Protein backbone atom coordinates (compact mmCIF):
# COMPACT_ATOMS: atom_id res chain seq x y z
CA UNK A 1 -123.42 -17.82 76.65
CA UNK A 2 -125.04 -14.43 77.18
CA UNK A 3 -123.78 -11.84 79.64
CA UNK A 4 -127.14 -10.06 79.71
CA UNK A 5 -128.31 -9.48 83.27
CA UNK A 6 -131.57 -11.15 84.32
CA UNK A 7 -133.07 -8.04 85.90
CA UNK A 8 -136.29 -9.82 86.89
CA UNK A 9 -135.19 -13.14 88.40
CA UNK A 10 -131.58 -12.48 89.36
CA UNK A 11 -130.69 -8.75 89.37
CA UNK A 12 -127.05 -8.09 90.17
CA UNK A 13 -127.87 -5.86 93.15
CA UNK A 14 -129.32 -8.95 94.84
CA UNK A 15 -126.98 -11.66 93.50
CA UNK A 16 -123.61 -10.09 94.38
CA UNK A 17 -123.67 -12.01 97.66
CA UNK A 18 -123.75 -15.32 95.77
CA UNK A 19 -120.18 -14.74 94.58
CA UNK A 20 -119.06 -14.37 98.21
CA UNK A 21 -120.99 -17.08 100.06
CA UNK A 22 -123.12 -18.98 97.54
CA UNK A 23 -126.54 -17.51 98.40
CA UNK A 24 -128.72 -14.75 97.01
CA UNK A 25 -130.49 -12.16 99.10
CA UNK A 26 -133.83 -13.93 98.49
CA UNK A 27 -132.39 -17.10 100.05
CA UNK A 28 -132.24 -15.18 103.32
CA UNK A 29 -135.32 -12.97 103.15
CA UNK A 30 -137.81 -15.66 102.13
CA UNK A 31 -137.53 -17.07 105.67
CA UNK A 32 -138.41 -13.80 107.36
CA UNK A 33 -141.57 -11.79 107.89
CA UNK A 34 -142.34 -8.88 105.57
CA UNK A 35 -140.76 -6.06 107.59
CA UNK A 36 -137.57 -7.88 108.56
CA UNK A 37 -137.17 -9.39 105.09
CA UNK A 38 -137.46 -5.98 103.47
CA UNK A 39 -135.05 -4.40 105.97
CA UNK A 40 -132.45 -7.09 105.23
CA UNK A 41 -133.09 -6.77 101.49
CA UNK A 42 -132.41 -3.04 101.53
CA UNK A 43 -129.37 -3.40 103.79
CA UNK A 44 -127.84 -6.06 101.54
CA UNK A 45 -128.48 -4.16 98.33
CA UNK A 46 -127.23 -0.81 99.70
CA UNK A 47 -124.25 0.24 97.63
CA UNK A 48 -124.97 -2.34 94.94
CA UNK A 49 -127.87 -0.77 93.04
CA UNK A 50 -127.61 2.25 90.83
CA UNK A 51 -130.60 4.19 89.59
CA UNK A 52 -130.94 6.92 87.00
CA UNK A 53 -131.20 10.31 88.65
CA UNK A 54 -129.24 9.24 91.75
CA UNK A 55 -125.55 9.24 92.39
CA UNK A 56 -124.34 6.02 94.03
CA UNK A 57 -124.06 7.54 97.50
CA UNK A 58 -127.56 9.00 97.36
CA UNK A 59 -128.98 5.62 96.28
CA UNK A 60 -127.12 3.85 99.09
CA UNK A 61 -128.51 6.34 101.61
CA UNK A 62 -132.03 5.85 100.25
CA UNK A 63 -131.74 2.07 100.60
CA UNK A 64 -130.53 2.42 104.19
CA UNK A 65 -133.41 4.80 104.95
CA UNK A 66 -135.83 2.22 103.55
CA UNK A 67 -134.30 -0.42 105.82
CA UNK A 68 -134.80 1.88 108.81
CA UNK A 69 -138.44 2.41 107.77
CA UNK A 70 -139.11 -1.34 107.85
CA UNK A 71 -137.26 -1.83 111.13
CA UNK A 72 -139.29 1.00 112.70
CA UNK A 73 -142.50 -0.52 111.34
CA UNK A 74 -141.61 -3.88 112.92
CA UNK A 75 -140.89 -2.16 116.25
CA UNK A 76 -144.25 -0.36 116.06
CA UNK A 77 -146.08 -3.63 115.40
CA UNK A 78 -144.36 -5.30 118.34
CA UNK A 79 -145.10 -2.35 120.63
CA UNK A 80 -148.75 -2.39 119.53
CA UNK A 81 -148.88 -6.11 120.33
CA UNK A 82 -147.48 -5.53 123.82
CA UNK A 83 -150.05 -2.80 124.49
CA UNK A 84 -152.89 -5.14 123.52
CA UNK A 85 -151.75 -7.91 125.87
């Protein structure tokens, strides 16, 4: 049995949740629209993904900023929809 991470299909920064409650991040986000799915994805991976050139705190902050971007985009789309009605 290999302990090599499947970085394409099951990267650890998305599968950590499976150890806690039996689901992966994709199991949640696939049922959401693009903006909300991405926001949840970045929130759930915050603090779980490292990247060369970033310390762990900086990477976590970046992921949370990305989540905010997608939430703000969703709010903008909803506000635009209200204005058109």
